[in-house]
Amino acid sequence: MTQARSTVTISTRPLWVIRLTRELPRYLISAVAVGGLAASARFAIAPPRPAAAAAHEVAGPDRAAEGFAALFARRYLTWNAADPLASERALQGFDGPGLEPDAGLQLPVSGKQHVEWVEVVQQREASVGAHVYTVAAQTDTGGLMYLTVDVARAADGRLALTGYPSLVGAPASGPALEPRRLREVADPGLATVVQRALRNYLAASAGELAADLTSGARVSLPGVQLTLLSVQRLDWSADARSVNAVVQARDPRGLQYTFAYELDVLQVAGRWEISAIEVNPGA
């Protein structure tokens, strides 16, 4: 009888495969632990917010809240003692349980006031989502008035007053600052180009102005045609890439102005050209 013999098969595998097979469970457990720590940190730093609140977040200045404050100031300061119901109707959308009717406004027996214009001139954040706006209002009888208006956003995004307004003084201001002394333009060729370009710019002569512009320049002409009378000063900017011109000009009615313009300049093939005048119409 022939006895069966056992066989042994020897196979080779790379060492890195053997190590990976042995260490893989430990790697997986470590990865899961790191992921859990990262998720916990994310929730601690920036927890998820309700969808309704996220939909009404406002990045930067809240223009709607500013407009809300300006509208309230206009309606609050516009009144006619002969028609008190008109003022009441105008303020109906701003009332609520936290305010008296008409925001506490009680009209005199006679007189009236009309708001000619309003503008938000200052704001501060009282708390998250709540702002105090200072509104300048030019009235026909009371003159220029400044009113602070507290505005907040509710959880659903609606704007609402959070208290009574306040009549306040104007934001702090002072006399005009002395302009920074810069290096005067001494290049007569550049001075000539700038003066000619400004003359054609103020006169709204697009065809004549184009001769002094760079190929990629974008310039928006003024809506009123003016006559350049003189260039009083011409200085380099601090970075020497533009020049600042102080000029005198006159409109068709004879009204004379003193203007300041900043012009971006480039030297192309030995000749000065203008690439922008004061504003970028595409910005």
C-alpha atoms as a PDB file:
ATOM      1  CA  MET A   1       0.000   0.000   0.000  1.00  0.00           C
ATOM      2  CA  THR A   2       1.257   3.400  -0.943  1.00  0.00           C
ATOM      3  CA  GLN A   3       1.065   5.960   1.892  1.00  0.00           C
ATOM      4  CA  ALA A   4      -0.297   9.421   0.956  1.00  0.00           C
ATOM      5  CA  ARG A   5       2.093  12.266   1.562  1.00  0.00           C
ATOM      6  CA  SER A   6       1.018  15.728   2.750  1.00  0.00           C
ATOM      7  CA  THR A   7       2.217  18.683   0.746  1.00  0.00           C
ATOM      8  CA  VAL A   8       3.142  22.157   1.851  1.00  0.00           C
ATOM      9  CA  THR A   9       2.749  25.089  -0.541  1.00  0.00           C
ATOM     10  CA  ILE A  10       4.885  28.146   0.088  1.00  0.00           C
ATOM     11  CA  SER A  11       3.749  31.457  -1.399  1.00  0.00           C
ATOM     12  CA  THR A  12       5.348  34.870  -1.073  1.00  0.00           C
ATOM     13  CA  ARG A  13       3.646  38.180  -0.409  1.00  0.00           C
ATOM     14  CA  PRO A  14       5.185  41.638  -0.129  1.00  0.00           C
ATOM     15  CA  LEU A  15       5.974  42.743   3.385  1.00  0.00           C
ATOM     16  CA  TRP A  16       3.838  45.890   3.099  1.00  0.00           C
ATOM     17  CA  VAL A  17       0.763  43.744   2.298  1.00  0.00           C
ATOM     18  CA  ILE A  18       1.321  41.660   5.381  1.00  0.00           C
ATOM     19  CA  ARG A  19       1.713  44.761   7.547  1.00  0.00           C
ATOM     20  CA  LEU A  20      -1.336  46.442   6.062  1.00  0.00           C
ATOM     21  CA  THR A  21      -3.487  43.337   6.616  1.00  0.00           C
ATOM     22  CA  ARG A  22      -2.397  43.156  10.223  1.00  0.00           C
ATOM     23  CA  GLU A  23      -2.731  46.886  10.988  1.00  0.00           C
ATOM     24  CA  LEU A  24      -5.874  47.665   8.928  1.00  0.00           C
ATOM     25  CA  PRO A  25      -8.405  47.213  11.779  1.00  0.00           C
ATOM     26  CA  ARG A  26      -6.414  49.578  13.982  1.00  0.00           C
ATOM     27  CA  TYR A  27      -6.274  52.173  11.184  1.00  0.00           C
ATOM     28  CA  LEU A  28     -10.040  51.959  10.651  1.00  0.00           C
ATOM     29  CA  ILE A  29     -10.783  52.419  14.345  1.00  0.00           C
ATOM     30  CA  SER A  30      -8.439  55.435  14.526  1.00  0.00           C
ATOM     31  CA  ALA A  31     -10.065  57.028  11.445  1.00  0.00           C
ATOM     32  CA  VAL A  32     -13.553  56.648  12.924  1.00  0.00           C
ATOM     33  CA  ALA A  33     -12.381  58.211  16.186  1.00  0.00           C
ATOM     34  CA  VAL A  34     -10.785  61.203  14.404  1.00  0.00           C
ATOM     35  CA  GLY A  35     -13.950  61.713  12.345  1.00  0.00           C
ATOM     36  CA  GLY A  36     -16.073  61.736  15.477  1.00  0.00           C
ATOM     37  CA  LEU A  37     -13.799  64.303  17.152  1.00  0.00           C
ATOM     38  CA  ALA A  38     -13.913  66.534  14.045  1.00  0.00           C
ATOM     39  CA  ALA A  39     -17.709  66.372  13.903  1.00  0.00           C
ATOM     40  CA  SER A  40     -17.960  67.236  17.607  1.00  0.00           C
ATOM     41  CA  ALA A  41     -15.635  70.221  17.132  1.00  0.00           C
ATOM     42  CA  ARG A  42     -17.632  71.451  14.146  1.00  0.00           C
ATOM     43  CA  PHE A  43     -20.901  71.312  16.085  1.00  0.00           C
ATOM     44  CA  ALA A  44     -19.294  73.133  19.023  1.00  0.00           C
ATOM     45  CA  ILE A  45     -17.820  75.928  16.880  1.00  0.00           C
ATOM     46  CA  ALA A  46     -20.652  76.363  14.373  1.00  0.00           C
ATOM     47  CA  PRO A  47     -23.781  74.521  15.462  1.00  0.00           C
ATOM     48  CA  PRO A  48     -26.462  73.996  12.828  1.00  0.00           C
ATOM     49  CA  ARG A  49     -29.148  76.664  12.701  1.00  0.00           C
ATOM     50  CA  PRO A  50     -32.830  76.323  11.901  1.00  0.00           C
ATOM     51  CA  ALA A  51     -33.564  76.595   8.198  1.00  0.00           C
ATOM     52  CA  ALA A  52     -35.848  79.601   8.695  1.00  0.00           C
ATOM     53  CA  ALA A  53     -33.163  81.605  10.470  1.00  0.00           C
ATOM     54  CA  ALA A  54     -30.473  80.736   7.927  1.00  0.00           C
ATOM     55  CA  ALA A  55     -32.683  81.840   5.066  1.00  0.00           C
ATOM     56  CA  HIS A  56     -32.913  85.362   6.518  1.00  0.00           C
ATOM     57  CA  GLU A  57     -29.259  85.938   7.413  1.00  0.00           C
ATOM     58  CA  VAL A  58     -27.951  89.174   5.902  1.00  0.00           C
ATOM     59  CA  ALA A  59     -24.314  89.575   4.937  1.00  0.00           C
ATOM     60  CA  GLY A  60     -22.969  93.101   5.312  1.00  0.00           C
ATOM     61  CA  PRO A  61     -25.226  96.130   5.769  1.00  0.00           C
ATOM     62  CA  ASP A  62     -28.912  95.220   6.075  1.00  0.00           C
ATOM     63  CA  ARG A  63     -30.346  97.496   3.375  1.00  0.00           C
ATOM     64  CA  ALA A  64     -33.894  96.358   4.053  1.00  0.00           C
ATOM     65  CA  ALA A  65     -33.597  97.282   7.737  1.00  0.00           C
ATOM     66  CA  GLU A  66     -32.098 100.655   6.782  1.00  0.00           C
ATOM     67  CA  GLY A  67     -35.013 101.296   4.446  1.00  0.00           C
ATOM     68  CA  PHE A  68     -37.466 100.244   7.149  1.00  0.00           C
ATOM     69  CA  ALA A  69     -35.941 102.764   9.564  1.00  0.00           C
ATOM     70  CA  ALA A  70     -35.947 105.521   6.927  1.00  0.00           C
ATOM     71  CA  LEU A  71     -39.595 104.839   6.028  1.00  0.00           C
ATOM     72  CA  PHE A  72     -40.637 104.993   9.660  1.00  0.00           C
ATOM     73  CA  ALA A  73     -38.773 108.280  10.176  1.00  0.00           C
ATOM     74  CA  ARG A  74     -40.440 109.797   7.112  1.00  0.00           C
ATOM     75  CA  ARG A  75     -43.945 108.800   8.236  1.00  0.00           C
ATOM     76  CA  TYR A  76     -43.331 109.638  11.892  1.00  0.00           C
ATOM     77  CA  LEU A  77     -42.119 113.172  11.137  1.00  0.00           C
ATOM     78  CA  THR A  78     -44.792 113.890   8.485  1.00  0.00           C
ATOM     79  CA  TRP A  79     -48.046 115.085  10.030  1.00  0.00           C
ATOM     80  CA  ASN A  80     -50.959 117.470   9.606  1.00  0.00           C
ATOM     81  CA  ALA A  81     -52.956 118.590  12.641  1.00  0.00           C
ATOM     82  CA  ALA A  82     -55.990 119.144  10.400  1.00  0.00           C
ATOM     83  CA  ASP A  83     -55.940 115.446   9.377  1.00  0.00           C
ATOM     84  CA  PRO A  84     -54.765 113.380  12.359  1.00  0.00           C
ATOM     85  CA  LEU A  85     -56.146 110.162  10.875  1.00  0.00           C
ATOM     86  CA  ALA A  86     -53.645 110.405   8.015  1.00  0.00           C
ATOM     87  CA  SER A  87     -50.749 110.155  10.467  1.00  0.00           C
ATOM     88  CA  GLU A  88     -52.449 107.288  12.264  1.00  0.00           C
ATOM     89  CA  ARG A  89     -52.920 105.356   9.025  1.00  0.00           C
ATOM     90  CA  ALA A  90     -49.313 105.996   7.966  1.00  0.00           C
ATOM     91  CA  LEU A  91     -47.946 104.501  11.198  1.00  0.00           C
ATOM     92  CA  GLN A  92     -50.286 101.510  11.412  1.00  0.00           C
ATOM     93  CA  GLY A  93     -47.750  99.119   9.937  1.00  0.00           C
ATOM     94  CA  PHE A  94     -45.213  99.973  12.647  1.00  0.00           C
ATOM     95  CA  ASP A  95     -47.371  99.667  15.771  1.00  0.00           C
ATOM     96  CA  GLY A  96     -47.499  96.692  18.088  1.00  0.00           C
ATOM     97  CA  PRO A  97     -47.950  95.643  21.711  1.00  0.00           C
ATOM     98  CA  GLY A  98     -44.673  97.316  22.682  1.00  0.00           C
ATOM     99  CA  LEU A  99     -45.693 100.785  21.466  1.00  0.00           C
ATOM    100  CA  GLU A 100     -48.532 103.182  22.062  1.00  0.00           C
ATOM    101  CA  PRO A 101     -50.737 104.020  19.061  1.00  0.00           C
ATOM    102  CA  ASP A 102     -48.958 106.251  16.544  1.00  0.00           C
ATOM    103  CA  ALA A 103     -45.672 105.381  18.323  1.00  0.00           C
ATOM    104  CA  GLY A 104     -46.686 107.807  21.081  1.00  0.00           C
ATOM    105  CA  LEU A 105     -46.983 110.779  18.718  1.00  0.00           C
ATOM    106  CA  GLN A 106     -49.598 113.356  19.776  1.00  0.00           C
ATOM    107  CA  LEU A 107     -50.295 116.152  17.305  1.00  0.00           C
ATOM    108  CA  PRO A 108     -50.774 119.813  18.252  1.00  0.00           C
ATOM    109  CA  VAL A 109     -54.050 121.625  17.633  1.00  0.00           C
ATOM    110  CA  SER A 110     -52.714 123.263  14.490  1.00  0.00           C
ATOM    111  CA  GLY A 111     -49.806 123.146  12.072  1.00  0.00           C
ATOM    112  CA  LYS A 112     -48.274 120.570   9.790  1.00  0.00           C
ATOM    113  CA  GLN A 113     -44.900 119.168   8.800  1.00  0.00           C
ATOM    114  CA  HIS A 114     -43.629 117.492   5.644  1.00  0.00           C
ATOM    115  CA  VAL A 115     -40.441 115.492   5.243  1.00  0.00           C
ATOM    116  CA  GLU A 116     -38.534 116.438   2.093  1.00  0.00           C
ATOM    117  CA  TRP A 117     -35.892 113.690   2.266  1.00  0.00           C
ATOM    118  CA  VAL A 118     -34.470 111.101   4.657  1.00  0.00           C
ATOM    119  CA  GLU A 119     -31.171 109.247   4.750  1.00  0.00           C
ATOM    120  CA  VAL A 120     -29.544 106.775   7.141  1.00  0.00           C
ATOM    121  CA  VAL A 121     -26.301 108.410   8.248  1.00  0.00           C
ATOM    122  CA  GLN A 122     -25.156 106.163  11.098  1.00  0.00           C
ATOM    123  CA  GLN A 123     -25.814 102.747  12.591  1.00  0.00           C
ATOM    124  CA  ARG A 124     -24.692 100.630  15.498  1.00  0.00           C
ATOM    125  CA  GLU A 125     -25.448  97.043  16.457  1.00  0.00           C
ATOM    126  CA  ALA A 126     -27.351  96.921  19.727  1.00  0.00           C
ATOM    127  CA  SER A 127     -27.295  93.110  19.777  1.00  0.00           C
ATOM    128  CA  VAL A 128     -27.177  90.262  17.281  1.00  0.00           C
ATOM    129  CA  GLY A 129     -29.763  91.045  14.609  1.00  0.00           C
ATOM    130  CA  ALA A 130     -30.787  94.357  16.218  1.00  0.00           C
ATOM    131  CA  HIS A 131     -29.582  97.745  14.998  1.00  0.00           C
ATOM    132  CA  VAL A 132     -30.008 101.370  15.973  1.00  0.00           C
ATOM    133  CA  TYR A 133     -30.114 103.610  12.909  1.00  0.00           C
ATOM    134  CA  THR A 134     -29.621 107.370  12.936  1.00  0.00           C
ATOM    135  CA  VAL A 135     -31.808 108.867  10.222  1.00  0.00           C
ATOM    136  CA  ALA A 136     -31.339 112.421   8.953  1.00  0.00           C
ATOM    137  CA  ALA A 137     -34.655 113.968   7.891  1.00  0.00           C
ATOM    138  CA  GLN A 138     -35.025 117.345   6.238  1.00  0.00           C
ATOM    139  CA  THR A 139     -38.411 118.811   7.136  1.00  0.00           C
ATOM    140  CA  ASP A 140     -40.071 121.937   5.779  1.00  0.00           C
ATOM    141  CA  THR A 141     -40.990 123.404   9.166  1.00  0.00           C
ATOM    142  CA  GLY A 142     -38.680 121.732  11.696  1.00  0.00           C
ATOM    143  CA  GLY A 143     -35.527 121.939   9.611  1.00  0.00           C
ATOM    144  CA  LEU A 144     -32.935 119.151   9.592  1.00  0.00           C
ATOM    145  CA  MET A 145     -33.721 116.580  12.279  1.00  0.00           C
ATOM    146  CA  TYR A 146     -31.908 113.409  13.387  1.00  0.00           C
ATOM    147  CA  LEU A 147     -33.943 110.463  14.631  1.00  0.00           C
ATOM    148  CA  THR A 148     -32.656 107.158  15.988  1.00  0.00           C
ATOM    149  CA  VAL A 149     -34.792 104.128  15.138  1.00  0.00           C
ATOM    150  CA  ASP A 150     -34.330 100.675  16.718  1.00  0.00           C
ATOM    151  CA  VAL A 151     -34.943  97.848  14.233  1.00  0.00           C
ATOM    152  CA  ALA A 152     -34.616  94.086  14.652  1.00  0.00           C
ATOM    153  CA  ARG A 153     -35.424  90.974  12.649  1.00  0.00           C
ATOM    154  CA  ALA A 154     -37.818  88.450  14.109  1.00  0.00           C
ATOM    155  CA  ALA A 155     -37.084  84.716  13.934  1.00  0.00           C
ATOM    156  CA  ASP A 156     -39.036  84.470  10.676  1.00  0.00           C
ATOM    157  CA  GLY A 157     -37.086  87.370   9.108  1.00  0.00           C
ATOM    158  CA  ARG A 158     -39.698  90.091   9.518  1.00  0.00           C
ATOM    159  CA  LEU A 159     -38.498  93.590  10.412  1.00  0.00           C
ATOM    160  CA  ALA A 160     -39.935  95.308  13.484  1.00  0.00           C
ATOM    161  CA  LEU A 161     -39.346  98.277  15.744  1.00  0.00           C
ATOM    162  CA  THR A 162     -38.033  97.401  19.191  1.00  0.00           C
ATOM    163  CA  GLY A 163     -38.845 100.664  20.945  1.00  0.00           C
ATOM    164  CA  TYR A 164     -39.698 104.319  20.609  1.00  0.00           C
ATOM    165  CA  PRO A 165     -37.562 106.583  18.420  1.00  0.00           C
ATOM    166  CA  SER A 166     -35.260 109.269  19.825  1.00  0.00           C
ATOM    167  CA  LEU A 167     -34.589 112.800  18.615  1.00  0.00           C
ATOM    168  CA  VAL A 168     -30.803 113.225  18.740  1.00  0.00           C
ATOM    169  CA  GLY A 169     -28.037 115.503  17.579  1.00  0.00           C
ATOM    170  CA  ALA A 170     -26.049 115.160  14.377  1.00  0.00           C
ATOM    171  CA  PRO A 171     -23.107 112.725  14.142  1.00  0.00           C
ATOM    172  CA  ALA A 172     -19.832 114.303  15.217  1.00  0.00           C
ATOM    173  CA  SER A 173     -18.155 116.309  12.473  1.00  0.00           C
ATOM    174  CA  GLY A 174     -15.585 119.045  12.031  1.00  0.00           C
ATOM    175  CA  PRO A 175     -14.003 121.321   9.460  1.00  0.00           C
ATOM    176  CA  ALA A 176     -12.520 119.856   6.295  1.00  0.00           C
ATOM    177  CA  LEU A 177      -9.072 118.335   6.769  1.00  0.00           C
ATOM    178  CA  GLU A 178      -6.089 119.877   5.056  1.00  0.00           C
ATOM    179  CA  PRO A 179      -5.244 117.774   2.008  1.00  0.00           C
ATOM    180  CA  ARG A 180      -2.067 115.751   2.108  1.00  0.00           C
ATOM    181  CA  ARG A 181       0.796 117.488   0.380  1.00  0.00           C
ATOM    182  CA  LEU A 182       1.902 115.378  -2.583  1.00  0.00           C
ATOM    183  CA  ARG A 183       4.586 115.713  -5.224  1.00  0.00           C
ATOM    184  CA  GLU A 184       3.603 118.202  -7.890  1.00  0.00           C
ATOM    185  CA  VAL A 185       3.523 117.054 -11.506  1.00  0.00           C
ATOM    186  CA  ALA A 186       6.497 118.635 -13.242  1.00  0.00           C
ATOM    187  CA  ASP A 187       6.106 116.905 -16.623  1.00  0.00           C
ATOM    188  CA  PRO A 188       4.635 119.518 -19.013  1.00  0.00           C
ATOM    189  CA  GLY A 189       3.542 116.807 -21.457  1.00  0.00           C
ATOM    190  CA  LEU A 190       1.504 115.031 -18.787  1.00  0.00           C
ATOM    191  CA  ALA A 191       0.020 118.321 -17.597  1.00  0.00           C
ATOM    192  CA  THR A 192      -1.091 119.134 -21.140  1.00  0.00           C
ATOM    193  CA  VAL A 193      -2.728 115.708 -21.631  1.00  0.00           C
ATOM    194  CA  VAL A 194      -4.545 115.898 -18.297  1.00  0.00           C
ATOM    195  CA  GLN A 195      -5.845 119.410 -18.958  1.00  0.00           C
ATOM    196  CA  ARG A 196      -7.045 118.484 -22.443  1.00  0.00           C
ATOM    197  CA  ALA A 197      -8.664 115.266 -21.231  1.00  0.00           C
ATOM    198  CA  LEU A 198     -10.493 117.059 -18.422  1.00  0.00           C
ATOM    199  CA  ARG A 199     -11.682 119.795 -20.766  1.00  0.00           C
ATOM    200  CA  ASN A 200     -13.196 117.220 -23.127  1.00  0.00           C
ATOM    201  CA  TYR A 201     -14.501 115.108 -20.231  1.00  0.00           C
ATOM    202  CA  LEU A 202     -16.360 118.016 -18.613  1.00  0.00           C
ATOM    203  CA  ALA A 203     -17.701 119.134 -21.997  1.00  0.00           C
ATOM    204  CA  ALA A 204     -18.943 115.555 -22.634  1.00  0.00           C
ATOM    205  CA  SER A 205     -16.965 115.450 -25.898  1.00  0.00           C
ATOM    206  CA  ALA A 206     -16.520 111.685 -26.160  1.00  0.00           C
ATOM    207  CA  GLY A 207     -14.859 111.770 -29.578  1.00  0.00           C
ATOM    208  CA  GLU A 208     -12.246 114.337 -28.554  1.00  0.00           C
ATOM    209  CA  LEU A 209     -11.635 112.619 -25.226  1.00  0.00           C
ATOM    210  CA  ALA A 210     -10.995 109.250 -26.888  1.00  0.00           C
ATOM    211  CA  ALA A 211      -7.729 110.557 -28.368  1.00  0.00           C
ATOM    212  CA  ASP A 212      -6.194 110.741 -24.879  1.00  0.00           C
ATOM    213  CA  LEU A 213      -7.547 107.458 -23.520  1.00  0.00           C
ATOM    214  CA  THR A 214      -5.869 104.064 -23.404  1.00  0.00           C
ATOM    215  CA  SER A 215      -7.356 101.323 -25.565  1.00  0.00           C
ATOM    216  CA  GLY A 216      -9.058  99.637 -22.589  1.00  0.00           C
ATOM    217  CA  ALA A 217     -10.254 102.766 -20.782  1.00  0.00           C
ATOM    218  CA  ARG A 218     -13.890 102.953 -19.679  1.00  0.00           C
ATOM    219  CA  VAL A 219     -15.147 106.458 -18.920  1.00  0.00           C
ATOM    220  CA  SER A 220     -18.671 107.632 -18.090  1.00  0.00           C
ATOM    221  CA  LEU A 221     -19.256 111.268 -19.044  1.00  0.00           C
ATOM    222  CA  PRO A 222     -21.066 113.728 -16.748  1.00  0.00           C
ATOM    223  CA  GLY A 223     -24.732 114.406 -17.481  1.00  0.00           C
ATOM    224  CA  VAL A 224     -24.174 118.191 -17.461  1.00  0.00           C
ATOM    225  CA  GLN A 225     -21.852 119.864 -19.933  1.00  0.00           C
ATOM    226  CA  LEU A 226     -19.326 122.071 -18.165  1.00  0.00           C
ATOM    227  CA  THR A 227     -16.586 124.454 -19.273  1.00  0.00           C
ATOM    228  CA  LEU A 228     -13.119 123.960 -17.810  1.00  0.00           C
ATOM    229  CA  LEU A 229     -11.812 127.312 -16.583  1.00  0.00           C
ATOM    230  CA  SER A 230      -8.472 126.323 -15.064  1.00  0.00           C
ATOM    231  CA  VAL A 231      -6.385 123.578 -13.495  1.00  0.00           C
ATOM    232  CA  GLN A 232      -5.319 124.915 -10.112  1.00  0.00           C
ATOM    233  CA  ARG A 233      -3.175 122.000  -8.909  1.00  0.00           C
ATOM    234  CA  LEU A 234      -1.827 118.808 -10.410  1.00  0.00           C
ATOM    235  CA  ASP A 235      -0.106 116.352  -8.043  1.00  0.00           C
ATOM    236  CA  TRP A 236       1.031 112.760  -8.172  1.00  0.00           C
ATOM    237  CA  SER A 237      -0.792 110.244  -6.000  1.00  0.00           C
ATOM    238  CA  ALA A 238       1.146 108.438  -3.277  1.00  0.00           C
ATOM    239  CA  ASP A 239       1.669 105.357  -5.488  1.00  0.00           C
ATOM    240  CA  ALA A 240       2.614 107.501  -8.528  1.00  0.00           C
ATOM    241  CA  ARG A 241       0.129 105.637 -10.730  1.00  0.00           C
ATOM    242  CA  SER A 242      -2.406 108.451 -10.907  1.00  0.00           C
ATOM    243  CA  VAL A 243      -2.583 112.224 -10.664  1.00  0.00           C
ATOM    244  CA  ASN A 244      -4.910 114.424  -8.639  1.00  0.00           C
ATOM    245  CA  ALA A 245      -6.234 117.536 -10.357  1.00  0.00           C
ATOM    246  CA  VAL A 246      -8.030 120.438  -8.672  1.00  0.00           C
ATOM    247  CA  VAL A 247      -9.952 122.378 -11.322  1.00  0.00           C
ATOM    248  CA  GLN A 248     -12.444 125.187 -11.697  1.00  0.00           C
ATOM    249  CA  ALA A 249     -15.401 124.714 -14.045  1.00  0.00           C
ATOM    250  CA  ARG A 250     -18.615 126.526 -14.959  1.00  0.00           C
ATOM    251  CA  ASP A 251     -22.022 125.210 -16.012  1.00  0.00           C
ATOM    252  CA  PRO A 252     -24.312 126.774 -18.671  1.00  0.00           C
ATOM    253  CA  ARG A 253     -26.110 128.839 -16.001  1.00  0.00           C
ATOM    254  CA  GLY A 254     -22.886 130.523 -14.938  1.00  0.00           C
ATOM    255  CA  LEU A 255     -22.540 128.552 -11.677  1.00  0.00           C
ATOM    256  CA  GLN A 256     -18.862 128.018 -10.938  1.00  0.00           C
ATOM    257  CA  TYR A 257     -17.465 124.934  -9.196  1.00  0.00           C
ATOM    258  CA  THR A 258     -14.169 123.744  -7.755  1.00  0.00           C
ATOM    259  CA  PHE A 259     -13.742 120.023  -8.402  1.00  0.00           C
ATOM    260  CA  ALA A 260     -11.071 117.433  -7.615  1.00  0.00           C
ATOM    261  CA  TYR A 261     -10.445 114.561 -10.036  1.00  0.00           C
ATOM    262  CA  GLU A 262      -8.176 111.533  -9.841  1.00  0.00           C
ATOM    263  CA  LEU A 263      -6.920 110.290 -13.206  1.00  0.00           C
ATOM    264  CA  ASP A 264      -5.069 107.007 -13.762  1.00  0.00           C
ATOM    265  CA  VAL A 265      -2.247 107.621 -16.232  1.00  0.00           C
ATOM    266  CA  LEU A 266       0.013 105.385 -18.317  1.00  0.00           C
ATOM    267  CA  GLN A 267       2.967 106.155 -20.536  1.00  0.00           C
ATOM    268  CA  VAL A 268       2.535 104.299 -23.818  1.00  0.00           C
ATOM    269  CA  ALA A 269       5.338 104.492 -26.380  1.00  0.00           C
ATOM    270  CA  GLY A 270       6.594 107.700 -24.771  1.00  0.00           C
ATOM    271  CA  ARG A 271       3.151 109.333 -24.716  1.00  0.00           C
ATOM    272  CA  TRP A 272       0.918 109.874 -21.702  1.00  0.00           C
ATOM    273  CA  GLU A 273      -2.586 108.378 -21.850  1.00  0.00           C
ATOM    274  CA  ILE A 274      -5.542 108.301 -19.457  1.00  0.00           C
ATOM    275  CA  SER A 275      -6.962 104.934 -18.332  1.00  0.00           C
ATOM    276  CA  ALA A 276      -9.620 106.184 -15.889  1.00  0.00           C
ATOM    277  CA  ILE A 277     -11.141 109.445 -14.653  1.00  0.00           C
ATOM    278  CA  GLU A 278     -12.350 109.510 -11.008  1.00  0.00           C
ATOM    279  CA  VAL A 279     -14.774 106.556 -11.185  1.00  0.00           C
ATOM    280  CA  ASN A 280     -14.933 103.078 -12.682  1.00  0.00           C
ATOM    281  CA  PRO A 281     -18.308 102.928 -14.453  1.00  0.00           C
ATOM    282  CA  GLY A 282     -18.156  99.125 -14.531  1.00  0.00           C
ATOM    283  CA  ALA A 283     -17.645  98.636 -10.785  1.00  0.00           C
END
